[in-house]
Amino acid sequence: QVQLVESGGGSVQAGGSLRLSCASSASLSHYAMGWFRQAPGNEREFVSVINWSGDITLYADSVKGRFIMSRDNTKNMVYLQMAGLKPEDTAVYYCATDLRSYLPRPAVKVSEYDAWGQGTQVTVSS
């Protein structure tokens, strides 16, 4: 059973930056990884996903140009560098993995992801 642990959340002012990290208990080098978020009263939504090799990364329109997702398969880690944070970015951020091997293009739907971390809170104040 894969375990994912997110870290790096916190409280920042609008315009600030945070770097989220996700550590895996097992190698995920064959699988796509994703960052998703859920604000109170809202459904969980796609933020960014990356394919197994790291050469395809997709972003939600709301974060494009501000967030950068990356992965280090040698360390079983994925990251989300967030800059230009806005109050509407406030949410619990979740790391997830799609356990279908070697997908050339990562999925963006929440339902396609099989294992999830516990989440890390990001709060952006105006």
Foldseek 3Di string as FASTA:
>chain_A
DKAKAKDWADEEAAQAKIKMKIAIPDQPLFWKKFKWWDDPPGDIFGAKIAGSPRPDIDGDPVQPPFWDWGDDRVRRMIMIIGGRDDQVVWTWMKMFIQPDGNDVYDDGDPVRTDDIYPTDTHGYHD
